Amino acid sequence: MADFFREEAVYIFIALFVFGITVFIATRPFIAKGARKAIPIVGGLLLLGLIAHYNYIKNHIKEVKEAFREGKNIICVDKTTKLGGILIHKGAWRIEGDEFVNPHSRRYNVRQCIVE
């Protein structure tokens, strides 16, 4: 559960902000009473979106790690160069946790990588 909160912290704050606005608007005295039905609907949709995003990211990480172990090439986003990406081969790189590590280059998080 702590992993979920760590991974989705930004999205949880965004969802809470949107939910707070929904509650604030739906509970105003000049808004129709039927508008309060939107509170559980919006809350449910936001919760569903958070869970779907978390599952998508976890599956993506698993796919990239499995492809790397099978020897496939991995492309990672590199914002430090104008090229925009770096090709990771199994020979020089290894996986430590959720990061690709090379002694001659910086680390790349698996979340920022795709299978070629």
PDB file of N, CA and C in Angstrom:
ATOM      1  N   MET A   1       0.817  -1.196   0.000  1.00  0.00           N
ATOM      2  CA  MET A   1       0.000   0.000   0.000  1.00  0.00           C
ATOM      3  C   MET A   1       0.865   1.267   0.000  1.00  0.00           C
ATOM      4  N   ALA A   2       1.991   1.214   0.695  1.00  0.00           N
ATOM      5  CA  ALA A   2       2.887   2.373   0.713  1.00  0.00           C
ATOM      6  C   ALA A   2       3.444   2.633  -0.679  1.00  0.00           C
ATOM      7  N   ASP A   3       3.661   1.559  -1.445  1.00  0.00           N
ATOM      8  CA  ASP A   3       4.147   1.702  -2.816  1.00  0.00           C
ATOM      9  C   ASP A   3       3.137   2.473  -3.655  1.00  0.00           C
ATOM     10  N   PHE A   4       1.852   2.193  -3.468  1.00  0.00           N
ATOM     11  CA  PHE A   4       0.802   2.896  -4.208  1.00  0.00           C
ATOM     12  C   PHE A   4       0.861   4.394  -3.915  1.00  0.00           C
ATOM     13  N   PHE A   5       0.958   4.766  -2.649  1.00  0.00           N
ATOM     14  CA  PHE A   5       0.990   6.181  -2.282  1.00  0.00           C
ATOM     15  C   PHE A   5       2.263   6.871  -2.784  1.00  0.00           C
ATOM     16  N   ARG A   6       3.381   6.162  -2.770  1.00  0.00           N
ATOM     17  CA  ARG A   6       4.634   6.737  -3.251  1.00  0.00           C
ATOM     18  C   ARG A   6       4.584   6.936  -4.762  1.00  0.00           C
ATOM     19  N   GLU A   7       4.063   5.952  -5.475  1.00  0.00           N
ATOM     20  CA  GLU A   7       4.021   6.022  -6.939  1.00  0.00           C
ATOM     21  C   GLU A   7       2.998   7.037  -7.443  1.00  0.00           C
ATOM     22  N   GLU A   8       1.883   7.142  -6.763  1.00  0.00           N
ATOM     23  CA  GLU A   8       0.766   7.943  -7.265  1.00  0.00           C
ATOM     24  C   GLU A   8       0.557   9.245  -6.492  1.00  0.00           C
ATOM     25  N   ALA A   9       1.534   9.699  -5.732  1.00  0.00           N
ATOM     26  CA  ALA A   9       1.360  10.869  -4.868  1.00  0.00           C
ATOM     27  C   ALA A   9       0.884  12.100  -5.633  1.00  0.00           C
ATOM     28  N   VAL A  10       1.497  12.401  -6.755  1.00  0.00           N
ATOM     29  CA  VAL A  10       1.111  13.589  -7.531  1.00  0.00           C
ATOM     30  C   VAL A  10      -0.321  13.455  -8.021  1.00  0.00           C
ATOM     31  N   TYR A  11      -0.665  12.276  -8.515  1.00  0.00           N
ATOM     32  CA  TYR A  11      -2.010  12.066  -9.046  1.00  0.00           C
ATOM     33  C   TYR A  11      -3.059  12.065  -7.932  1.00  0.00           C
ATOM     34  N   ILE A  12      -2.676  11.615  -6.749  1.00  0.00           N
ATOM     35  CA  ILE A  12      -3.593  11.667  -5.605  1.00  0.00           C
ATOM     36  C   ILE A  12      -3.882  13.119  -5.242  1.00  0.00           C
ATOM     37  N   PHE A  13      -2.867  13.965  -5.225  1.00  0.00           N
ATOM     38  CA  PHE A  13      -3.087  15.384  -4.919  1.00  0.00           C
ATOM     39  C   PHE A  13      -3.960  16.056  -5.969  1.00  0.00           C
ATOM     40  N   ILE A  14      -3.746  15.738  -7.229  1.00  0.00           N
ATOM     41  CA  ILE A  14      -4.587  16.300  -8.292  1.00  0.00           C
ATOM     42  C   ILE A  14      -6.026  15.836  -8.125  1.00  0.00           C
ATOM     43  N   ALA A  15      -6.213  14.552  -7.839  1.00  0.00           N
ATOM     44  CA  ALA A  15      -7.560  14.012  -7.652  1.00  0.00           C
ATOM     45  C   ALA A  15      -8.242  14.653  -6.444  1.00  0.00           C
ATOM     46  N   LEU A  16      -7.504  14.844  -5.356  1.00  0.00           N
ATOM     47  CA  LEU A  16      -8.086  15.499  -4.178  1.00  0.00           C
ATOM     48  C   LEU A  16      -8.473  16.939  -4.483  1.00  0.00           C
ATOM     49  N   PHE A  17      -7.677  17.630  -5.272  1.00  0.00           N
ATOM     50  CA  PHE A  17      -7.997  18.999  -5.664  1.00  0.00           C
ATOM     51  C   PHE A  17      -9.288  19.036  -6.483  1.00  0.00           C
ATOM     52  N   VAL A  18      -9.394  18.165  -7.480  1.00  0.00           N
ATOM     53  CA  VAL A  18     -10.602  18.105  -8.311  1.00  0.00           C
ATOM     54  C   VAL A  18     -11.807  17.713  -7.466  1.00  0.00           C
ATOM     55  N   PHE A  19     -11.627  16.742  -6.570  1.00  0.00           N
ATOM     56  CA  PHE A  19     -12.729  16.317  -5.710  1.00  0.00           C
ATOM     57  C   PHE A  19     -13.144  17.448  -4.765  1.00  0.00           C
ATOM     58  N   GLY A  20     -12.176  18.183  -4.238  1.00  0.00           N
ATOM     59  CA  GLY A  20     -12.488  19.316  -3.362  1.00  0.00           C
ATOM     60  C   GLY A  20     -13.287  20.386  -4.082  1.00  0.00           C
ATOM     61  N   ILE A  21     -12.926  20.682  -5.318  1.00  0.00           N
ATOM     62  CA  ILE A  21     -13.687  21.655  -6.109  1.00  0.00           C
ATOM     63  C   ILE A  21     -15.105  21.151  -6.344  1.00  0.00           C
ATOM     64  N   THR A  22     -15.239  19.860  -6.638  1.00  0.00           N
ATOM     65  CA  THR A  22     -16.564  19.272  -6.857  1.00  0.00           C
ATOM     66  C   THR A  22     -17.429  19.401  -5.609  1.00  0.00           C
ATOM     67  N   VAL A  23     -16.865  19.072  -4.458  1.00  0.00           N
ATOM     68  CA  VAL A  23     -17.620  19.175  -3.201  1.00  0.00           C
ATOM     69  C   VAL A  23     -17.980  20.626  -2.913  1.00  0.00           C
ATOM     70  N   PHE A  24     -17.037  21.534  -3.100  1.00  0.00           N
ATOM     71  CA  PHE A  24     -17.295  22.947  -2.834  1.00  0.00           C
ATOM     72  C   PHE A  24     -18.439  23.472  -3.696  1.00  0.00           C
ATOM     73  N   ILE A  25     -18.414  23.166  -4.981  1.00  0.00           N
ATOM     74  CA  ILE A  25     -19.445  23.674  -5.886  1.00  0.00           C
ATOM     75  C   ILE A  25     -20.783  22.989  -5.639  1.00  0.00           C
ATOM     76  N   ALA A  26     -20.765  21.668  -5.446  1.00  0.00           N
ATOM     77  CA  ALA A  26     -22.025  20.926  -5.299  1.00  0.00           C
ATOM     78  C   ALA A  26     -22.745  21.238  -3.994  1.00  0.00           C
ATOM     79  N   THR A  27     -22.046  21.752  -2.994  1.00  0.00           N
ATOM     80  CA  THR A  27     -22.679  22.027  -1.700  1.00  0.00           C
ATOM     81  C   THR A  27     -23.064  23.491  -1.510  1.00  0.00           C
ATOM     82  N   ARG A  28     -22.891  24.329  -2.517  1.00  0.00           N
ATOM     83  CA  ARG A  28     -23.305  25.734  -2.409  1.00  0.00           C
ATOM     84  C   ARG A  28     -24.824  25.804  -2.342  1.00  0.00           C
ATOM     85  N   PRO A  29     -25.355  26.734  -1.544  1.00  0.00           N
ATOM     86  CA  PRO A  29     -26.813  26.818  -1.371  1.00  0.00           C
ATOM     87  C   PRO A  29     -27.561  27.214  -2.648  1.00  0.00           C
ATOM     88  N   PHE A  30     -26.928  27.899  -3.561  1.00  0.00           N
ATOM     89  CA  PHE A  30     -27.615  28.338  -4.775  1.00  0.00           C
ATOM     90  C   PHE A  30     -27.554  27.301  -5.904  1.00  0.00           C
ATOM     91  N   ILE A  31     -26.877  26.179  -5.671  1.00  0.00           N
ATOM     92  CA  ILE A  31     -26.804  25.096  -6.656  1.00  0.00           C
ATOM     93  C   ILE A  31     -27.946  24.122  -6.370  1.00  0.00           C
ATOM     94  N   ALA A  32     -28.523  23.557  -7.420  1.00  0.00           N
ATOM     95  CA  ALA A  32     -29.637  22.615  -7.265  1.00  0.00           C
ATOM     96  C   ALA A  32     -29.222  21.429  -6.392  1.00  0.00           C
ATOM     97  N   LYS A  33     -30.178  20.911  -5.632  1.00  0.00           N
ATOM     98  CA  LYS A  33     -29.897  19.801  -4.709  1.00  0.00           C
ATOM     99  C   LYS A  33     -29.444  18.545  -5.458  1.00  0.00           C
ATOM    100  N   GLY A  34     -29.886  18.378  -6.682  1.00  0.00           N
ATOM    101  CA  GLY A  34     -29.493  17.211  -7.471  1.00  0.00           C
ATOM    102  C   GLY A  34     -28.017  17.198  -7.833  1.00  0.00           C
ATOM    103  N   ALA A  35     -27.363  18.337  -7.725  1.00  0.00           N
ATOM    104  CA  ALA A  35     -25.939  18.417  -8.067  1.00  0.00           C
ATOM    105  C   ALA A  35     -25.079  17.633  -7.078  1.00  0.00           C
ATOM    106  N   ARG A  36     -25.605  17.367  -5.912  1.00  0.00           N
ATOM    107  CA  ARG A  36     -24.833  16.611  -4.915  1.00  0.00           C
ATOM    108  C   ARG A  36     -24.616  15.160  -5.341  1.00  0.00           C
ATOM    109  N   LYS A  37     -25.403  14.712  -6.294  1.00  0.00           N
ATOM    110  CA  LYS A  37     -25.208  13.353  -6.813  1.00  0.00           C
ATOM    111  C   LYS A  37     -23.872  13.235  -7.550  1.00  0.00           C
ATOM    112  N   ALA A  38     -23.333  14.361  -7.952  1.00  0.00           N
ATOM    113  CA  ALA A  38     -22.058  14.349  -8.675  1.00  0.00           C
ATOM    114  C   ALA A  38     -20.888  13.999  -7.763  1.00  0.00           C
ATOM    115  N   ILE A  39     -21.024  14.223  -6.465  1.00  0.00           N
ATOM    116  CA  ILE A  39     -19.905  13.989  -5.543  1.00  0.00           C
ATOM    117  C   ILE A  39     -19.449  12.525  -5.561  1.00  0.00           C
ATOM    118  N   PRO A  40     -20.337  11.546  -5.333  1.00  0.00           N
ATOM    119  CA  PRO A  40     -19.844  10.160  -5.378  1.00  0.00           C
ATOM    120  C   PRO A  40     -19.440   9.710  -6.787  1.00  0.00           C
ATOM    121  N   ILE A  41     -20.087  10.266  -7.803  1.00  0.00           N
ATOM    122  CA  ILE A  41     -19.730   9.895  -9.177  1.00  0.00           C
ATOM    123  C   ILE A  41     -18.316  10.372  -9.498  1.00  0.00           C
ATOM    124  N   VAL A  42     -18.028  11.636  -9.205  1.00  0.00           N
ATOM    125  CA  VAL A  42     -16.689  12.178  -9.464  1.00  0.00           C
ATOM    126  C   VAL A  42     -15.650  11.452  -8.609  1.00  0.00           C
ATOM    127  N   GLY A  43     -15.974  11.224  -7.342  1.00  0.00           N
ATOM    128  CA  GLY A  43     -15.048  10.500  -6.465  1.00  0.00           C
ATOM    129  C   GLY A  43     -14.746   9.103  -6.983  1.00  0.00           C
ATOM    130  N   GLY A  44     -15.774   8.407  -7.428  1.00  0.00           N
ATOM    131  CA  GLY A  44     -15.581   7.066  -7.978  1.00  0.00           C
ATOM    132  C   GLY A  44     -14.744   7.065  -9.246  1.00  0.00           C
ATOM    133  N   LEU A  45     -15.012   8.026 -10.129  1.00  0.00           N
ATOM    134  CA  LEU A  45     -14.237   8.113 -11.372  1.00  0.00           C
ATOM    135  C   LEU A  45     -12.773   8.452 -11.103  1.00  0.00           C
ATOM    136  N   LEU A  46     -12.533   9.349 -10.159  1.00  0.00           N
ATOM    137  CA  LEU A  46     -11.152   9.697  -9.817  1.00  0.00           C
ATOM    138  C   LEU A  46     -10.421   8.500  -9.206  1.00  0.00           C
ATOM    139  N   LEU A  47     -11.101   7.773  -8.324  1.00  0.00           N
ATOM    140  CA  LEU A  47     -10.501   6.590  -7.715  1.00  0.00           C
ATOM    141  C   LEU A  47     -10.217   5.524  -8.769  1.00  0.00           C
ATOM    142  N   LEU A  48     -11.158   5.325  -9.667  1.00  0.00           N
ATOM    143  CA  LEU A  48     -10.971   4.364 -10.751  1.00  0.00           C
ATOM    144  C   LEU A  48      -9.787   4.766 -11.635  1.00  0.00           C
ATOM    145  N   GLY A  49      -9.669   6.058 -11.927  1.00  0.00           N
ATOM    146  CA  GLY A  49      -8.545   6.545 -12.724  1.00  0.00           C
ATOM    147  C   GLY A  49      -7.203   6.326 -12.042  1.00  0.00           C
ATOM    148  N   LEU A  50      -7.146   6.571 -10.730  1.00  0.00           N
ATOM    149  CA  LEU A  50      -5.902   6.347  -9.985  1.00  0.00           C
ATOM    150  C   LEU A  50      -5.492   4.877 -10.009  1.00  0.00           C
ATOM    151  N   ILE A  51      -6.449   4.004  -9.774  1.00  0.00           N
ATOM    152  CA  ILE A  51      -6.159   2.567  -9.763  1.00  0.00           C
ATOM    153  C   ILE A  51      -5.733   2.092 -11.149  1.00  0.00           C
ATOM    154  N   ALA A  52      -6.419   2.571 -12.183  1.00  0.00           N
ATOM    155  CA  ALA A  52      -6.067   2.176 -13.555  1.00  0.00           C
ATOM    156  C   ALA A  52      -4.657   2.654 -13.912  1.00  0.00           C
ATOM    157  N   HIS A  53      -4.312   3.881 -13.541  1.00  0.00           N
ATOM    158  CA  HIS A  53      -2.975   4.409 -13.834  1.00  0.00           C
ATOM    159  C   HIS A  53      -1.904   3.612 -13.107  1.00  0.00           C
ATOM    160  N   TYR A  54      -2.134   3.301 -11.852  1.00  0.00           N
ATOM    161  CA  TYR A  54      -1.177   2.524 -11.063  1.00  0.00           C
ATOM    162  C   TYR A  54      -0.952   1.150 -11.691  1.00  0.00           C
ATOM    163  N   ASN A  55      -2.039   0.478 -12.077  1.00  0.00           N
ATOM    164  CA  ASN A  55      -1.912  -0.844 -12.696  1.00  0.00           C
ATOM    165  C   ASN A  55      -1.203  -0.764 -14.042  1.00  0.00           C
ATOM    166  N   TYR A  56      -1.490   0.279 -14.818  1.00  0.00           N
ATOM    167  CA  TYR A  56      -0.818   0.458 -16.108  1.00  0.00           C
ATOM    168  C   TYR A  56       0.687   0.624 -15.915  1.00  0.00           C
ATOM    169  N   ILE A  57       1.081   1.461 -14.966  1.00  0.00           N
ATOM    170  CA  ILE A  57       2.504   1.706 -14.720  1.00  0.00           C
ATOM    171  C   ILE A  57       3.194   0.430 -14.236  1.00  0.00           C
ATOM    172  N   LYS A  58       2.564  -0.306 -13.340  1.00  0.00           N
ATOM    173  CA  LYS A  58       3.160  -1.547 -12.839  1.00  0.00           C
ATOM    174  C   LYS A  58       3.336  -2.561 -13.964  1.00  0.00           C
ATOM    175  N   ASN A  59       2.342  -2.688 -14.843  1.00  0.00           N
ATOM    176  CA  ASN A  59       2.463  -3.600 -15.984  1.00  0.00           C
ATOM    177  C   ASN A  59       3.555  -3.138 -16.944  1.00  0.00           C
ATOM    178  N   HIS A  60       3.658  -1.835 -17.154  1.00  0.00           N
ATOM    179  CA  HIS A  60       4.696  -1.283 -18.033  1.00  0.00           C
ATOM    180  C   HIS A  60       6.087  -1.606 -17.486  1.00  0.00           C
ATOM    181  N   ILE A  61       6.278  -1.421 -16.198  1.00  0.00           N
ATOM    182  CA  ILE A  61       7.564  -1.713 -15.566  1.00  0.00           C
ATOM    183  C   ILE A  61       7.904  -3.192 -15.730  1.00  0.00           C
ATOM    184  N   LYS A  62       6.921  -4.048 -15.502  1.00  0.00           N
ATOM    185  CA  LYS A  62       7.137  -5.486 -15.632  1.00  0.00           C
ATOM    186  C   LYS A  62       7.519  -5.861 -17.066  1.00  0.00           C
ATOM    187  N   GLU A  63       6.833  -5.288 -18.053  1.00  0.00           N
ATOM    188  CA  GLU A  63       7.130  -5.582 -19.457  1.00  0.00           C
ATOM    189  C   GLU A  63       8.539  -5.138 -19.843  1.00  0.00           C
ATOM    190  N   VAL A  64       8.939  -3.954 -19.401  1.00  0.00           N
ATOM    191  CA  VAL A  64      10.274  -3.447 -19.744  1.00  0.00           C
ATOM    192  C   VAL A  64      11.352  -4.313 -19.096  1.00  0.00           C
ATOM    193  N   LYS A  65      11.170  -4.694 -17.841  1.00  0.00           N
ATOM    194  CA  LYS A  65      12.158  -5.532 -17.162  1.00  0.00           C
ATOM    195  C   LYS A  65      12.269  -6.901 -17.828  1.00  0.00           C
ATOM    196  N   GLU A  66      11.125  -7.500 -18.183  1.00  0.00           N
ATOM    197  CA  GLU A  66      11.150  -8.810 -18.838  1.00  0.00           C
ATOM    198  C   GLU A  66      11.827  -8.723 -20.204  1.00  0.00           C
ATOM    199  N   ALA A  67      11.534  -7.674 -20.959  1.00  0.00           N
ATOM    200  CA  ALA A  67      12.156  -7.504 -22.275  1.00  0.00           C
ATOM    201  C   ALA A  67      13.667  -7.327 -22.134  1.00  0.00           C
ATOM    202  N   PHE A  68      14.102  -6.595 -21.118  1.00  0.00           N
ATOM    203  CA  PHE A  68      15.534  -6.400 -20.887  1.00  0.00           C
ATOM    204  C   PHE A  68      16.205  -7.729 -20.558  1.00  0.00           C
ATOM    205  N   ARG A  69      15.562  -8.541 -19.722  1.00  0.00           N
ATOM    206  CA  ARG A  69      16.125  -9.845 -19.357  1.00  0.00           C
ATOM    207  C   ARG A  69      16.187 -10.788 -20.556  1.00  0.00           C
ATOM    208  N   GLU A  70      15.270 -10.604 -21.509  1.00  0.00           N
ATOM    209  CA  GLU A  70      15.268 -11.423 -22.729  1.00  0.00           C
ATOM    210  C   GLU A  70      16.288 -10.931 -23.749  1.00  0.00           C
ATOM    211  N   GLY A  71      16.941  -9.816 -23.480  1.00  0.00           N
ATOM    212  CA  GLY A  71      17.975  -9.306 -24.366  1.00  0.00           C
ATOM    213  C   GLY A  71      17.493  -8.303 -25.400  1.00  0.00           C
ATOM    214  N   LYS A  72      16.254  -7.855 -25.297  1.00  0.00           N
ATOM    215  CA  LYS A  72      15.741  -6.863 -26.245  1.00  0.00           C
ATOM    216  C   LYS A  72      16.312  -5.485 -25.915  1.00  0.00           C
ATOM    217  N   ASN A  73      16.351  -4.623 -26.923  1.00  0.00           N
ATOM    218  CA  ASN A  73      16.831  -3.258 -26.714  1.00  0.00           C
ATOM    219  C   ASN A  73      15.760  -2.418 -26.038  1.00  0.00           C
ATOM    220  N   ILE A  74      16.193  -1.534 -25.169  1.00  0.00           N
ATOM    221  CA  ILE A  74      15.306  -0.644 -24.430  1.00  0.00           C
ATOM    222  C   ILE A  74      15.696   0.794 -24.772  1.00  0.00           C
ATOM    223  N   ILE A  75      14.706   1.633 -25.005  1.00  0.00           N
ATOM    224  CA  ILE A  75      14.946   3.053 -25.267  1.00  0.00           C
ATOM    225  C   ILE A  75      14.437   3.839 -24.066  1.00  0.00           C
ATOM    226  N   CYS A  76      15.313   4.669 -23.501  1.00  0.00           N
ATOM    227  CA  CYS A  76      14.948   5.482 -22.342  1.00  0.00           C
ATOM    228  C   CYS A  76      15.009   6.964 -22.691  1.00  0.00           C
ATOM    229  N   VAL A  77      14.136   7.738 -22.076  1.00  0.00           N
ATOM    230  CA  VAL A  77      14.107   9.183 -22.272  1.00  0.00           C
ATOM    231  C   VAL A  77      15.338   9.784 -21.612  1.00  0.00           C
ATOM    232  N   ASP A  78      16.039  10.626 -22.360  1.00  0.00           N
ATOM    233  CA  ASP A  78      17.207  11.319 -21.827  1.00  0.00           C
ATOM    234  C   ASP A  78      17.034  12.807 -22.087  1.00  0.00           C
ATOM    235  N   LYS A  79      16.690  13.539 -21.064  1.00  0.00           N
ATOM    236  CA  LYS A  79      16.440  14.973 -21.215  1.00  0.00           C
ATOM    237  C   LYS A  79      17.715  15.804 -21.102  1.00  0.00           C
ATOM    238  N   THR A  80      18.853  15.145 -20.897  1.00  0.00           N
ATOM    239  CA  THR A  80      20.109  15.884 -20.772  1.00  0.00           C
ATOM    240  C   THR A  80      20.783  16.122 -22.117  1.00  0.00           C
ATOM    241  N   THR A  81      20.341  15.427 -23.159  1.00  0.00           N
ATOM    242  CA  THR A  81      20.919  15.619 -24.491  1.00  0.00           C
ATOM    243  C   THR A  81      19.823  15.995 -25.474  1.00  0.00           C
ATOM    244  N   LYS A  82      20.226  16.515 -26.610  1.00  0.00           N
ATOM    245  CA  LYS A  82      19.251  16.888 -27.635  1.00  0.00           C
ATOM    246  C   LYS A  82      18.693  15.676 -28.363  1.00  0.00           C
ATOM    247  N   LEU A  83      19.352  14.540 -28.228  1.00  0.00           N
ATOM    248  CA  LEU A  83      18.877  13.332 -28.894  1.00  0.00           C
ATOM    249  C   LEU A  83      17.527  12.893 -28.348  1.00  0.00           C
ATOM    250  N   GLY A  84      17.315  13.062 -27.068  1.00  0.00           N
ATOM    251  CA  GLY A  84      16.034  12.750 -26.449  1.00  0.00           C
ATOM    252  C   GLY A  84      15.887  11.328 -25.965  1.00  0.00           C
ATOM    253  N   GLY A  85      16.794  10.437 -26.326  1.00  0.00           N
ATOM    254  CA  GLY A  85      16.680   9.061 -25.879  1.00  0.00           C
ATOM    255  C   GLY A  85      18.022   8.365 -25.894  1.00  0.00           C
ATOM    256  N   ILE A  86      18.096   7.263 -25.178  1.00  0.00           N
ATOM    257  CA  ILE A  86      19.318   6.468 -25.136  1.00  0.00           C
ATOM    258  C   ILE A  86      18.923   5.008 -25.303  1.00  0.00           C
ATOM    259  N   LEU A  87      19.724   4.279 -26.048  1.00  0.00           N
ATOM    260  CA  LEU A  87      19.481   2.869 -26.293  1.00  0.00           C
ATOM    261  C   LEU A  87      20.234   2.056 -25.252  1.00  0.00           C
ATOM    262  N   ILE A  88      19.515   1.181 -24.566  1.00  0.00           N
ATOM    263  CA  ILE A  88      20.117   0.375 -23.510  1.00  0.00           C
ATOM    264  C   ILE A  88      20.206  -1.071 -23.992  1.00  0.00           C
ATOM    265  N   HIS A  89      21.441  -1.607 -24.000  1.00  0.00           N
ATOM    266  CA  HIS A  89      21.697  -3.001 -24.360  1.00  0.00           C
ATOM    267  C   HIS A  89      21.983  -3.777 -23.085  1.00  0.00           C
ATOM    268  N   LYS A  90      21.676  -5.056 -23.109  1.00  0.00           N
ATOM    269  CA  LYS A  90      21.852  -5.863 -21.917  1.00  0.00           C
ATOM    270  C   LYS A  90      23.312  -5.999 -21.489  1.00  0.00           C
ATOM    271  N   GLY A  91      24.246  -5.997 -22.413  1.00  0.00           N
ATOM    272  CA  GLY A  91      25.647  -6.248 -22.076  1.00  0.00           C
ATOM    273  C   GLY A  91      26.244  -5.272 -21.082  1.00  0.00           C
ATOM    274  N   ALA A  92      26.082  -3.987 -21.301  1.00  0.00           N
ATOM    275  CA  ALA A  92      26.728  -2.975 -20.464  1.00  0.00           C
ATOM    276  C   ALA A  92      25.848  -2.508 -19.307  1.00  0.00           C
ATOM    277  N   TRP A  93      24.583  -2.824 -19.346  1.00  0.00           N
ATOM    278  CA  TRP A  93      23.637  -2.325 -18.345  1.00  0.00           C
ATOM    279  C   TRP A  93      23.138  -3.461 -17.461  1.00  0.00           C
ATOM    280  N   ARG A  94      22.681  -3.087 -16.277  1.00  0.00           N
ATOM    281  CA  ARG A  94      22.029  -4.039 -15.372  1.00  0.00           C
ATOM    282  C   ARG A  94      20.878  -3.330 -14.669  1.00  0.00           C
ATOM    283  N   ILE A  95      19.989  -4.108 -14.071  1.00  0.00           N
ATOM    284  CA  ILE A  95      18.839  -3.535 -13.358  1.00  0.00           C
ATOM    285  C   ILE A  95      19.108  -3.590 -11.860  1.00  0.00           C
ATOM    286  N   GLU A  96      18.942  -2.460 -11.193  1.00  0.00           N
ATOM    287  CA  GLU A  96      18.985  -2.380  -9.727  1.00  0.00           C
ATOM    288  C   GLU A  96      17.675  -1.765  -9.281  1.00  0.00           C
ATOM    289  N   GLY A  97      16.813  -2.565  -8.715  1.00  0.00           N
ATOM    290  CA  GLY A  97      15.494  -2.071  -8.314  1.00  0.00           C
ATOM    291  C   GLY A  97      14.689  -1.700  -9.541  1.00  0.00           C
ATOM    292  N   ASP A  98      14.328  -0.446  -9.666  1.00  0.00           N
ATOM    293  CA  ASP A  98      13.577   0.043 -10.824  1.00  0.00           C
ATOM    294  C   ASP A  98      14.431   0.961 -11.694  1.00  0.00           C
ATOM    295  N   GLU A  99      15.742   0.753 -11.688  1.00  0.00           N
ATOM    296  CA  GLU A  99      16.630   1.613 -12.466  1.00  0.00           C
ATOM    297  C   GLU A  99      17.602   0.783 -13.291  1.00  0.00           C
ATOM    298  N   PHE A 100      17.907   1.295 -14.489  1.00  0.00           N
ATOM    299  CA  PHE A 100      18.973   0.741 -15.304  1.00  0.00           C
ATOM    300  C   PHE A 100      20.259   1.445 -14.897  1.00  0.00           C
ATOM    301  N   VAL A 101      21.306   0.666 -14.651  1.00  0.00           N
ATOM    302  CA  VAL A 101      22.560   1.210 -14.138  1.00  0.00           C
ATOM    303  C   VAL A 101      23.700   0.826 -15.077  1.00  0.00           C
ATOM    304  N   ASN A 102      24.563   1.798 -15.350  1.00  0.00           N
ATOM    305  CA  ASN A 102      25.758   1.604 -16.156  1.00  0.00           C
ATOM    306  C   ASN A 102      26.874   2.375 -15.463  1.00  0.00           C
ATOM    307  N   PRO A 103      28.068   1.783 -15.320  1.00  0.00           N
ATOM    308  CA  PRO A 103      29.142   2.503 -14.623  1.00  0.00           C
ATOM    309  C   PRO A 103      29.618   3.762 -15.344  1.00  0.00           C
ATOM    310  N   HIS A 104      29.337   3.892 -16.638  1.00  0.00           N
ATOM    311  CA  HIS A 104      29.832   5.032 -17.406  1.00  0.00           C
ATOM    312  C   HIS A 104      28.756   6.065 -17.723  1.00  0.00           C
ATOM    313  N   SER A 105      27.559   5.871 -17.266  1.00  0.00           N
ATOM    314  CA  SER A 105      26.456   6.776 -17.599  1.00  0.00           C
ATOM    315  C   SER A 105      25.573   6.969 -16.376  1.00  0.00           C
ATOM    316  N   ARG A 106      24.636   7.883 -16.493  1.00  0.00           N
ATOM    317  CA  ARG A 106      23.721   8.104 -15.375  1.00  0.00           C
ATOM    318  C   ARG A 106      22.669   7.001 -15.338  1.00  0.00           C
ATOM    319  N   ARG A 107      21.917   6.943 -14.255  1.00  0.00           N
ATOM    320  CA  ARG A 107      20.868   5.938 -14.096  1.00  0.00           C
ATOM    321  C   ARG A 107      19.606   6.372 -14.831  1.00  0.00           C
ATOM    322  N   TYR A 108      18.831   5.392 -15.266  1.00  0.00           N
ATOM    323  CA  TYR A 108      17.552   5.656 -15.923  1.00  0.00           C
ATOM    324  C   TYR A 108      16.474   4.844 -15.235  1.00  0.00           C
ATOM    325  N   ASN A 109      15.389   5.506 -14.876  1.00  0.00           N
ATOM    326  CA  ASN A 109      14.274   4.831 -14.246  1.00  0.00           C
ATOM    327  C   ASN A 109      13.521   4.024 -15.289  1.00  0.00           C
ATOM    328  N   VAL A 110      13.076   2.838 -14.913  1.00  0.00           N
ATOM    329  CA  VAL A 110      12.373   1.942 -15.830  1.00  0.00           C
ATOM    330  C   VAL A 110      11.088   2.591 -16.347  1.00  0.00           C
ATOM    331  N   ARG A 111      10.460   3.453 -15.551  1.00  0.00           N
ATOM    332  CA  ARG A 111       9.208   4.110 -15.956  1.00  0.00           C
ATOM    333  C   ARG A 111       9.396   4.999 -17.185  1.00  0.00           C
ATOM    334  N   GLN A 112      10.615   5.456 -17.426  1.00  0.00           N
ATOM    335  CA  GLN A 112      10.898   6.360 -18.540  1.00  0.00           C
ATOM    336  C   GLN A 112      11.393   5.618 -19.771  1.00  0.00           C
ATOM    337  N   CYS A 113      11.228   4.318 -19.799  1.00  0.00           N
ATOM    338  CA  CYS A 113      11.770   3.513 -20.889  1.00  0.00           C
ATOM    339  C   CYS A 113      10.673   2.721 -21.591  1.00  0.00           C
ATOM    340  N   ILE A 114      10.954   2.386 -22.856  1.00  0.00           N
ATOM    341  CA  ILE A 114      10.050   1.539 -23.633  1.00  0.00           C
ATOM    342  C   ILE A 114      10.871   0.463 -24.327  1.00  0.00           C
ATOM    343  N   VAL A 115      10.195  -0.593 -24.742  1.00  0.00           N
ATOM    344  CA  VAL A 115      10.846  -1.667 -25.477  1.00  0.00           C
ATOM    345  C   VAL A 115      10.911  -1.264 -26.940  1.00  0.00           C
ATOM    346  N   GLU A 116      12.088  -1.452 -27.560  1.00  0.00           N
ATOM    347  CA  GLU A 116      12.251  -1.089 -28.966  1.00  0.00           C
ATOM    348  C   GLU A 116      11.447  -2.026 -29.844  1.00  0.00           C
TER     349      GLU A 116
END
